[in-house]
ModelCIF file with pLDDT and N, C-alpha, C, O atoms, coordinates in Angstrom:
data_MODEL
#
_entry.id   MODEL 
#
_entity.id                         1 
_entity.type                       polymer 
_entity.pdbx_number_of_molecules   1 
#
_entity_poly.entity_id                      1 
_entity_poly.type                           'polypeptide(L)' 
_entity_poly.nstd_linkage                   no 
_entity_poly.nstd_monomer                   no 
_entity_poly.pdbx_seq_one_letter_code       SFIGIVTFLFSAAGVKIGNVFGARYKAKAEVFGGLILIFM 
_entity_poly.pdbx_seq_one_letter_code_can   SFIGIVTFLFSAAGVKIGNVFGARYKAKAEVFGGLILIFM 
_entity_poly.pdbx_strand_id                 A 
#
loop_
_entity_poly_seq.entity_id 
_entity_poly_seq.num 
_entity_poly_seq.mon_id 
_entity_poly_seq.hetero 
1 1  SER n 
1 2  PHE n 
1 3  ILE n 
1 4  GLY n 
1 5  ILE n 
1 6  VAL n 
1 7  THR n 
1 8  PHE n 
1 9  LEU n 
1 10 PHE n 
1 11 SER n 
1 12 ALA n 
1 13 ALA n 
1 14 GLY n 
1 15 VAL n 
1 16 LYS n 
1 17 ILE n 
1 18 GLY n 
1 19 ASN n 
1 20 VAL n 
1 21 PHE n 
1 22 GLY n 
1 23 ALA n 
1 24 ARG n 
1 25 TYR n 
1 26 LYS n 
1 27 ALA n 
1 28 LYS n 
1 29 ALA n 
1 30 GLU n 
1 31 VAL n 
1 32 PHE n 
1 33 GLY n 
1 34 GLY n 
1 35 LEU n 
1 36 ILE n 
1 37 LEU n 
1 38 ILE n 
1 39 PHE n 
1 40 MET n 
#
_struct_asym.id          A 
_struct_asym.entity_id   1 
#
loop_
_ma_qa_metric.id 
_ma_qa_metric.mode 
_ma_qa_metric.name 
_ma_qa_metric.software_group_id 
_ma_qa_metric.type 
1 global pLDDT . pLDDT 
2 local  pLDDT . pLDDT 
#
_ma_qa_metric_global.metric_id      1 
_ma_qa_metric_global.metric_value   81.70 
_ma_qa_metric_global.model_id       1 
_ma_qa_metric_global.ordinal_id     1 
#
loop_
_ma_qa_metric_local.label_asym_id 
_ma_qa_metric_local.label_comp_id 
_ma_qa_metric_local.label_seq_id 
_ma_qa_metric_local.metric_id 
_ma_qa_metric_local.metric_value 
_ma_qa_metric_local.model_id 
_ma_qa_metric_local.ordinal_id 
A SER 1  2 96.00 1 1  
A PHE 2  2 96.00 1 2  
A ILE 3  2 95.00 1 3  
A GLY 4  2 97.00 1 4  
A ILE 5  2 97.00 1 5  
A VAL 6  2 96.00 1 6  
A THR 7  2 96.00 1 7  
A PHE 8  2 98.00 1 8  
A LEU 9  2 97.00 1 9  
A PHE 10 2 94.00 1 10 
A SER 11 2 95.00 1 11 
A ALA 12 2 96.00 1 12 
A ALA 13 2 94.00 1 13 
A GLY 14 2 91.00 1 14 
A VAL 15 2 92.00 1 15 
A LYS 16 2 93.00 1 16 
A ILE 17 2 91.00 1 17 
A GLY 18 2 88.00 1 18 
A ASN 19 2 88.00 1 19 
A VAL 20 2 88.00 1 20 
A PHE 21 2 80.00 1 21 
A GLY 22 2 65.00 1 22 
A ALA 23 2 56.00 1 23 
A ARG 24 2 57.00 1 24 
A TYR 25 2 58.00 1 25 
A LYS 26 2 58.00 1 26 
A ALA 27 2 65.00 1 27 
A LYS 28 2 68.00 1 28 
A ALA 29 2 61.00 1 29 
A GLU 30 2 66.00 1 30 
A VAL 31 2 75.00 1 31 
A PHE 32 2 73.00 1 32 
A GLY 33 2 68.00 1 33 
A GLY 34 2 72.00 1 34 
A LEU 35 2 81.00 1 35 
A ILE 36 2 76.00 1 36 
A LEU 37 2 72.00 1 37 
A ILE 38 2 84.00 1 38 
A PHE 39 2 82.00 1 39 
A MET 40 2 73.00 1 40 
#
loop_
_atom_site.group_PDB 
_atom_site.id 
_atom_site.type_symbol 
_atom_site.label_atom_id 
_atom_site.label_alt_id 
_atom_site.label_comp_id 
_atom_site.label_asym_id 
_atom_site.label_entity_id 
_atom_site.label_seq_id 
_atom_site.pdbx_PDB_ins_code 
_atom_site.Cartn_x 
_atom_site.Cartn_y 
_atom_site.Cartn_z 
_atom_site.occupancy 
_atom_site.B_iso_or_equiv 
_atom_site.pdbx_formal_charge 
_atom_site.auth_seq_id 
_atom_site.auth_comp_id 
_atom_site.auth_asym_id 
_atom_site.auth_atom_id 
_atom_site.pdbx_PDB_model_num 
ATOM 1   N N  . SER A 1 1  ? -21.698 -6.358 -0.398 1.00 96.00 ? 1  SER A N  1 
ATOM 2   C CA . SER A 1 1  ? -21.298 -5.943 -1.748 1.00 96.00 ? 1  SER A CA 1 
ATOM 3   C C  . SER A 1 1  ? -20.711 -4.542 -1.698 1.00 96.00 ? 1  SER A C  1 
ATOM 4   O O  . SER A 1 1  ? -19.686 -4.269 -2.323 1.00 96.00 ? 1  SER A O  1 
ATOM 5   N N  . PHE A 1 2  ? -21.353 -3.665 -0.962 1.00 96.00 ? 2  PHE A N  1 
ATOM 6   C CA . PHE A 1 2  ? -20.863 -2.299 -0.810 1.00 96.00 ? 2  PHE A CA 1 
ATOM 7   C C  . PHE A 1 2  ? -19.495 -2.288 -0.128 1.00 96.00 ? 2  PHE A C  1 
ATOM 8   O O  . PHE A 1 2  ? -18.582 -1.594 -0.575 1.00 96.00 ? 2  PHE A O  1 
ATOM 9   N N  . ILE A 1 3  ? -19.355 -3.049 0.945  1.00 95.00 ? 3  ILE A N  1 
ATOM 10  C CA . ILE A 1 3  ? -18.080 -3.140 1.663  1.00 95.00 ? 3  ILE A CA 1 
ATOM 11  C C  . ILE A 1 3  ? -16.991 -3.671 0.732  1.00 95.00 ? 3  ILE A C  1 
ATOM 12  O O  . ILE A 1 3  ? -15.882 -3.137 0.709  1.00 95.00 ? 3  ILE A O  1 
ATOM 13  N N  . GLY A 1 4  ? -17.299 -4.710 -0.029 1.00 97.00 ? 4  GLY A N  1 
ATOM 14  C CA . GLY A 1 4  ? -16.324 -5.294 -0.956 1.00 97.00 ? 4  GLY A CA 1 
ATOM 15  C C  . GLY A 1 4  ? -15.900 -4.318 -2.040 1.00 97.00 ? 4  GLY A C  1 
ATOM 16  O O  . GLY A 1 4  ? -14.718 -4.242 -2.374 1.00 97.00 ? 4  GLY A O  1 
ATOM 17  N N  . ILE A 1 5  ? -16.843 -3.572 -2.592 1.00 97.00 ? 5  ILE A N  1 
ATOM 18  C CA . ILE A 1 5  ? -16.523 -2.608 -3.655 1.00 97.00 ? 5  ILE A CA 1 
ATOM 19  C C  . ILE A 1 5  ? -15.656 -1.469 -3.119 1.00 97.00 ? 5  ILE A C  1 
ATOM 20  O O  . ILE A 1 5  ? -14.682 -1.076 -3.759 1.00 97.00 ? 5  ILE A O  1 
ATOM 21  N N  . VAL A 1 6  ? -16.005 -0.946 -1.957 1.00 96.00 ? 6  VAL A N  1 
ATOM 22  C CA . VAL A 1 6  ? -15.200 0.126  -1.357 1.00 96.00 ? 6  VAL A CA 1 
ATOM 23  C C  . VAL A 1 6  ? -13.775 -0.366 -1.100 1.00 96.00 ? 6  VAL A C  1 
ATOM 24  O O  . VAL A 1 6  ? -12.810 0.334  -1.406 1.00 96.00 ? 6  VAL A O  1 
ATOM 25  N N  . THR A 1 7  ? -13.647 -1.558 -0.543 1.00 96.00 ? 7  THR A N  1 
ATOM 26  C CA . THR A 1 7  ? -12.317 -2.104 -0.264 1.00 96.00 ? 7  THR A CA 1 
ATOM 27  C C  . THR A 1 7  ? -11.562 -2.374 -1.557 1.00 96.00 ? 7  THR A C  1 
ATOM 28  O O  . THR A 1 7  ? -10.358 -2.127 -1.626 1.00 96.00 ? 7  THR A O  1 
ATOM 29  N N  . PHE A 1 8  ? -12.240 -2.874 -2.578 1.00 98.00 ? 8  PHE A N  1 
ATOM 30  C CA . PHE A 1 8  ? -11.607 -3.091 -3.882 1.00 98.00 ? 8  PHE A CA 1 
ATOM 31  C C  . PHE A 1 8  ? -10.993 -1.781 -4.386 1.00 98.00 ? 8  PHE A C  1 
ATOM 32  O O  . PHE A 1 8  ? -9.833  -1.753 -4.797 1.00 98.00 ? 8  PHE A O  1 
ATOM 33  N N  . LEU A 1 9  ? -11.766 -0.710 -4.354 1.00 97.00 ? 9  LEU A N  1 
ATOM 34  C CA . LEU A 1 9  ? -11.292 0.580  -4.861 1.00 97.00 ? 9  LEU A CA 1 
ATOM 35  C C  . LEU A 1 9  ? -10.119 1.117  -4.039 1.00 97.00 ? 9  LEU A C  1 
ATOM 36  O O  . LEU A 1 9  ? -9.129  1.590  -4.597 1.00 97.00 ? 9  LEU A O  1 
ATOM 37  N N  . PHE A 1 10 ? -10.235 1.042  -2.716 1.00 94.00 ? 10 PHE A N  1 
ATOM 38  C CA . PHE A 1 10 ? -9.150  1.508  -1.856 1.00 94.00 ? 10 PHE A CA 1 
ATOM 39  C C  . PHE A 1 10 ? -7.883  0.673  -2.064 1.00 94.00 ? 10 PHE A C  1 
ATOM 40  O O  . PHE A 1 10 ? -6.781  1.220  -2.084 1.00 94.00 ? 10 PHE A O  1 
ATOM 41  N N  . SER A 1 11 ? -8.030  -0.622 -2.215 1.00 95.00 ? 11 SER A N  1 
ATOM 42  C CA . SER A 1 11 ? -6.877  -1.507 -2.383 1.00 95.00 ? 11 SER A CA 1 
ATOM 43  C C  . SER A 1 11 ? -6.177  -1.274 -3.717 1.00 95.00 ? 11 SER A C  1 
ATOM 44  O O  . SER A 1 11 ? -4.949  -1.196 -3.772 1.00 95.00 ? 11 SER A O  1 
ATOM 45  N N  . ALA A 1 12 ? -6.947  -1.163 -4.781 1.00 96.00 ? 12 ALA A N  1 
ATOM 46  C CA . ALA A 1 12 ? -6.356  -0.900 -6.100 1.00 96.00 ? 12 ALA A CA 1 
ATOM 47  C C  . ALA A 1 12 ? -5.625  0.441  -6.085 1.00 96.00 ? 12 ALA A C  1 
ATOM 48  O O  . ALA A 1 12 ? -4.515  0.553  -6.606 1.00 96.00 ? 12 ALA A O  1 
ATOM 49  N N  . ALA A 1 13 ? -6.246  1.450  -5.491 1.00 94.00 ? 13 ALA A N  1 
ATOM 50  C CA . ALA A 1 13 ? -5.606  2.769  -5.394 1.00 94.00 ? 13 ALA A CA 1 
ATOM 51  C C  . ALA A 1 13 ? -4.355  2.692  -4.527 1.00 94.00 ? 13 ALA A C  1 
ATOM 52  O O  . ALA A 1 13 ? -3.354  3.344  -4.824 1.00 94.00 ? 13 ALA A O  1 
ATOM 53  N N  . GLY A 1 14 ? -4.402  1.905  -3.463 1.00 91.00 ? 14 GLY A N  1 
ATOM 54  C CA . GLY A 1 14 ? -3.250  1.765  -2.574 1.00 91.00 ? 14 GLY A CA 1 
ATOM 55  C C  . GLY A 1 14 ? -2.029  1.196  -3.271 1.00 91.00 ? 14 GLY A C  1 
ATOM 56  O O  . GLY A 1 14 ? -0.910  1.650  -3.031 1.00 91.00 ? 14 GLY A O  1 
ATOM 57  N N  . VAL A 1 15 ? -2.231  0.204  -4.133 1.00 92.00 ? 15 VAL A N  1 
ATOM 58  C CA . VAL A 1 15 ? -1.106  -0.370 -4.882 1.00 92.00 ? 15 VAL A CA 1 
ATOM 59  C C  . VAL A 1 15 ? -0.457  0.714  -5.743 1.00 92.00 ? 15 VAL A C  1 
ATOM 60  O O  . VAL A 1 15 ? 0.768   0.836  -5.777 1.00 92.00 ? 15 VAL A O  1 
ATOM 61  N N  . LYS A 1 16 ? -1.270  1.485  -6.427 1.00 93.00 ? 16 LYS A N  1 
ATOM 62  C CA . LYS A 1 16 ? -0.744  2.536  -7.301 1.00 93.00 ? 16 LYS A CA 1 
ATOM 63  C C  . LYS A 1 16 ? -0.037  3.623  -6.499 1.00 93.00 ? 16 LYS A C  1 
ATOM 64  O O  . LYS A 1 16 ? 1.051   4.064  -6.869 1.00 93.00 ? 16 LYS A O  1 
ATOM 65  N N  . ILE A 1 17 ? -0.651  4.051  -5.411 1.00 91.00 ? 17 ILE A N  1 
ATOM 66  C CA . ILE A 1 17 ? -0.041  5.084  -4.559 1.00 91.00 ? 17 ILE A CA 1 
ATOM 67  C C  . ILE A 1 17 ? 1.292   4.595  -4.002 1.00 91.00 ? 17 ILE A C  1 
ATOM 68  O O  . ILE A 1 17 ? 2.284   5.324  -4.032 1.00 91.00 ? 17 ILE A O  1 
ATOM 69  N N  . GLY A 1 18 ? 1.319   3.371  -3.499 1.00 88.00 ? 18 GLY A N  1 
ATOM 70  C CA . GLY A 1 18 ? 2.559   2.807  -2.968 1.00 88.00 ? 18 GLY A CA 1 
ATOM 71  C C  . GLY A 1 18 ? 3.635   2.708  -4.025 1.00 88.00 ? 18 GLY A C  1 
ATOM 72  O O  . GLY A 1 18 ? 4.808   2.959  -3.748 1.00 88.00 ? 18 GLY A O  1 
ATOM 73  N N  . ASN A 1 19 ? 3.247   2.348  -5.227 1.00 88.00 ? 19 ASN A N  1 
ATOM 74  C CA . ASN A 1 19 ? 4.211   2.217  -6.308 1.00 88.00 ? 19 ASN A CA 1 
ATOM 75  C C  . ASN A 1 19 ? 4.807   3.562  -6.702 1.00 88.00 ? 19 ASN A C  1 
ATOM 76  O O  . ASN A 1 19 ? 6.010   3.656  -6.944 1.00 88.00 ? 19 ASN A O  1 
ATOM 77  N N  . VAL A 1 20 ? 3.999   4.580  -6.768 1.00 88.00 ? 20 VAL A N  1 
ATOM 78  C CA . VAL A 1 20 ? 4.483   5.908  -7.154 1.00 88.00 ? 20 VAL A CA 1 
ATOM 79  C C  . VAL A 1 20 ? 5.505   6.417  -6.142 1.00 88.00 ? 20 VAL A C  1 
ATOM 80  O O  . VAL A 1 20 ? 6.541   6.962  -6.523 1.00 88.00 ? 20 VAL A O  1 
ATOM 81  N N  . PHE A 1 21 ? 5.220   6.243  -4.869 1.00 80.00 ? 21 PHE A N  1 
ATOM 82  C CA . PHE A 1 21 ? 6.131   6.736  -3.846 1.00 80.00 ? 21 PHE A CA 1 
ATOM 83  C C  . PHE A 1 21 ? 7.306   5.801  -3.595 1.00 80.00 ? 21 PHE A C  1 
ATOM 84  O O  . PHE A 1 21 ? 8.334   6.231  -3.073 1.00 80.00 ? 21 PHE A O  1 
ATOM 85  N N  . GLY A 1 22 ? 7.171   4.542  -3.954 1.00 65.00 ? 22 GLY A N  1 
ATOM 86  C CA . GLY A 1 22 ? 8.226   3.572  -3.673 1.00 65.00 ? 22 GLY A CA 1 
ATOM 87  C C  . GLY A 1 22 ? 9.229   3.381  -4.783 1.00 65.00 ? 22 GLY A C  1 
ATOM 88  O O  . GLY A 1 22 ? 10.247  2.725  -4.568 1.00 65.00 ? 22 GLY A O  1 
ATOM 89  N N  . ALA A 1 23 ? 8.991   3.921  -5.954 1.00 56.00 ? 23 ALA A N  1 
ATOM 90  C CA . ALA A 1 23 ? 9.860   3.684  -7.106 1.00 56.00 ? 23 ALA A CA 1 
ATOM 91  C C  . ALA A 1 23 ? 11.286  4.161  -6.860 1.00 56.00 ? 23 ALA A C  1 
ATOM 92  O O  . ALA A 1 23 ? 12.234  3.505  -7.293 1.00 56.00 ? 23 ALA A O  1 
ATOM 93  N N  . ARG A 1 24 ? 11.457  5.270  -6.186 1.00 57.00 ? 24 ARG A N  1 
ATOM 94  C CA . ARG A 1 24 ? 12.799  5.837  -5.969 1.00 57.00 ? 24 ARG A CA 1 
ATOM 95  C C  . ARG A 1 24 ? 13.541  5.179  -4.810 1.00 57.00 ? 24 ARG A C  1 
ATOM 96  O O  . ARG A 1 24 ? 14.770  5.109  -4.812 1.00 57.00 ? 24 ARG A O  1 
ATOM 97  N N  . TYR A 1 25 ? 12.801  4.706  -3.837 1.00 58.00 ? 25 TYR A N  1 
ATOM 98  C CA . TYR A 1 25 ? 13.420  4.211  -2.606 1.00 58.00 ? 25 TYR A CA 1 
ATOM 99  C C  . TYR A 1 25 ? 12.913  2.820  -2.259 1.00 58.00 ? 25 TYR A C  1 
ATOM 100 O O  . TYR A 1 25 ? 12.453  2.580  -1.143 1.00 58.00 ? 25 TYR A O  1 
ATOM 101 N N  . LYS A 1 26 ? 12.998  1.910  -3.211 1.00 58.00 ? 26 LYS A N  1 
ATOM 102 C CA . LYS A 1 26 ? 12.359  0.603  -3.084 1.00 58.00 ? 26 LYS A CA 1 
ATOM 103 C C  . LYS A 1 26 ? 12.732  -0.148 -1.810 1.00 58.00 ? 26 LYS A C  1 
ATOM 104 O O  . LYS A 1 26 ? 11.849  -0.536 -1.044 1.00 58.00 ? 26 LYS A O  1 
ATOM 105 N N  . ALA A 1 27 ? 14.021  -0.358 -1.574 1.00 65.00 ? 27 ALA A N  1 
ATOM 106 C CA . ALA A 1 27 ? 14.425  -1.168 -0.416 1.00 65.00 ? 27 ALA A CA 1 
ATOM 107 C C  . ALA A 1 27 ? 13.999  -0.504 0.892  1.00 65.00 ? 27 ALA A C  1 
ATOM 108 O O  . ALA A 1 27 ? 13.452  -1.167 1.774  1.00 65.00 ? 27 ALA A O  1 
ATOM 109 N N  . LYS A 1 28 ? 14.244  0.787  1.020  1.00 68.00 ? 28 LYS A N  1 
ATOM 110 C CA . LYS A 1 28 ? 13.854  1.497  2.238  1.00 68.00 ? 28 LYS A CA 1 
ATOM 111 C C  . LYS A 1 28 ? 12.338  1.496  2.393  1.00 68.00 ? 28 LYS A C  1 
ATOM 112 O O  . LYS A 1 28 ? 11.812  1.334  3.494  1.00 68.00 ? 28 LYS A O  1 
ATOM 113 N N  . ALA A 1 29 ? 11.656  1.678  1.287  1.00 61.00 ? 29 ALA A N  1 
ATOM 114 C CA . ALA A 1 29 ? 10.192  1.700  1.327  1.00 61.00 ? 29 ALA A CA 1 
ATOM 115 C C  . ALA A 1 29 ? 9.630   0.340  1.721  1.00 61.00 ? 29 ALA A C  1 
ATOM 116 O O  . ALA A 1 29 ? 8.640   0.263  2.449  1.00 61.00 ? 29 ALA A O  1 
ATOM 117 N N  . GLU A 1 30 ? 10.256  -0.729 1.245  1.00 66.00 ? 30 GLU A N  1 
ATOM 118 C CA . GLU A 1 30 ? 9.785   -2.072 1.586  1.00 66.00 ? 30 GLU A CA 1 
ATOM 119 C C  . GLU A 1 30 ? 10.001  -2.363 3.065  1.00 66.00 ? 30 GLU A C  1 
ATOM 120 O O  . GLU A 1 30 ? 9.145   -2.961 3.717  1.00 66.00 ? 30 GLU A O  1 
ATOM 121 N N  . VAL A 1 31 ? 11.146  -1.938 3.593  1.00 75.00 ? 31 VAL A N  1 
ATOM 122 C CA . VAL A 1 31 ? 11.388  -2.084 5.028  1.00 75.00 ? 31 VAL A CA 1 
ATOM 123 C C  . VAL A 1 31 ? 10.343  -1.293 5.795  1.00 75.00 ? 31 VAL A C  1 
ATOM 124 O O  . VAL A 1 31 ? 9.762   -1.786 6.762  1.00 75.00 ? 31 VAL A O  1 
ATOM 125 N N  . PHE A 1 32 ? 10.108  -0.061 5.356  1.00 73.00 ? 32 PHE A N  1 
ATOM 126 C CA . PHE A 1 32 ? 9.111   0.787  6.003  1.00 73.00 ? 32 PHE A CA 1 
ATOM 127 C C  . PHE A 1 32 ? 7.726   0.146  5.940  1.00 73.00 ? 32 PHE A C  1 
ATOM 128 O O  . PHE A 1 32 ? 6.993   0.141  6.929  1.00 73.00 ? 32 PHE A O  1 
ATOM 129 N N  . GLY A 1 33 ? 7.375   -0.393 4.775  1.00 68.00 ? 33 GLY A N  1 
ATOM 130 C CA . GLY A 1 33 ? 6.090   -1.066 4.614  1.00 68.00 ? 33 GLY A CA 1 
ATOM 131 C C  . GLY A 1 33 ? 5.957   -2.261 5.541  1.00 68.00 ? 33 GLY A C  1 
ATOM 132 O O  . GLY A 1 33 ? 4.906   -2.463 6.150  1.00 68.00 ? 33 GLY A O  1 
ATOM 133 N N  . GLY A 1 34 ? 7.018   -3.054 5.652  1.00 72.00 ? 34 GLY A N  1 
ATOM 134 C CA . GLY A 1 34 ? 7.004   -4.194 6.566  1.00 72.00 ? 34 GLY A CA 1 
ATOM 135 C C  . GLY A 1 34 ? 6.839   -3.758 8.011  1.00 72.00 ? 34 GLY A C  1 
ATOM 136 O O  . GLY A 1 34 ? 6.100   -4.373 8.779  1.00 72.00 ? 34 GLY A O  1 
ATOM 137 N N  . LEU A 1 35 ? 7.542   -2.681 8.372  1.00 81.00 ? 35 LEU A N  1 
ATOM 138 C CA . LEU A 1 35 ? 7.411   -2.153 9.735  1.00 81.00 ? 35 LEU A CA 1 
ATOM 139 C C  . LEU A 1 35 ? 6.002   -1.633 9.998  1.00 81.00 ? 35 LEU A C  1 
ATOM 140 O O  . LEU A 1 35 ? 5.476   -1.780 11.101 1.00 81.00 ? 35 LEU A O  1 
ATOM 141 N N  . ILE A 1 36 ? 5.395   -1.024 8.983  1.00 76.00 ? 36 ILE A N  1 
ATOM 142 C CA . ILE A 1 36 ? 4.015   -0.562 9.128  1.00 76.00 ? 36 ILE A CA 1 
ATOM 143 C C  . ILE A 1 36 ? 3.107   -1.738 9.464  1.00 76.00 ? 36 ILE A C  1 
ATOM 144 O O  . ILE A 1 36 ? 2.263   -1.642 10.356 1.00 76.00 ? 36 ILE A O  1 
ATOM 145 N N  . LEU A 1 37 ? 3.281   -2.856 8.745  1.00 72.00 ? 37 LEU A N  1 
ATOM 146 C CA . LEU A 1 37 ? 2.447   -4.033 9.012  1.00 72.00 ? 37 LEU A CA 1 
ATOM 147 C C  . LEU A 1 37 ? 2.664   -4.565 10.428 1.00 72.00 ? 37 LEU A C  1 
ATOM 148 O O  . LEU A 1 37 ? 1.714   -4.928 11.122 1.00 72.00 ? 37 LEU A O  1 
ATOM 149 N N  . ILE A 1 38 ? 3.923   -4.603 10.838 1.00 84.00 ? 38 ILE A N  1 
ATOM 150 C CA . ILE A 1 38 ? 4.223   -5.071 12.195 1.00 84.00 ? 38 ILE A CA 1 
ATOM 151 C C  . ILE A 1 38 ? 3.562   -4.159 13.221 1.00 84.00 ? 38 ILE A C  1 
ATOM 152 O O  . ILE A 1 38 ? 2.943   -4.630 14.175 1.00 84.00 ? 38 ILE A O  1 
ATOM 153 N N  . PHE A 1 39 ? 3.696   -2.856 13.020 1.00 82.00 ? 39 PHE A N  1 
ATOM 154 C CA . PHE A 1 39 ? 3.096   -1.911 13.962 1.00 82.00 ? 39 PHE A CA 1 
ATOM 155 C C  . PHE A 1 39 ? 1.572   -1.939 13.911 1.00 82.00 ? 39 PHE A C  1 
ATOM 156 O O  . PHE A 1 39 ? 0.919   -1.717 14.931 1.00 82.00 ? 39 PHE A O  1 
ATOM 157 N N  . MET A 1 40 ? 0.996   -2.209 12.740 1.00 73.00 ? 40 MET A N  1 
ATOM 158 C CA . MET A 1 40 ? -0.456  -2.356 12.657 1.00 73.00 ? 40 MET A CA 1 
ATOM 159 C C  . MET A 1 40 ? -0.913  -3.531 13.509 1.00 73.00 ? 40 MET A C  1 
ATOM 160 O O  . MET A 1 40 ? -2.108  -3.820 13.572 1.00 73.00 ? 40 MET A O  1 
#
């Protein structure tokens, strides 16, 4: 339950953080995000 709650909070915050930084550079940011996943 603790693990799930922590991940819930981090994930919800991550969507908002990504959106704030990605609004101006959507296509480049999406490519960058995809590359991050590949590198992960």
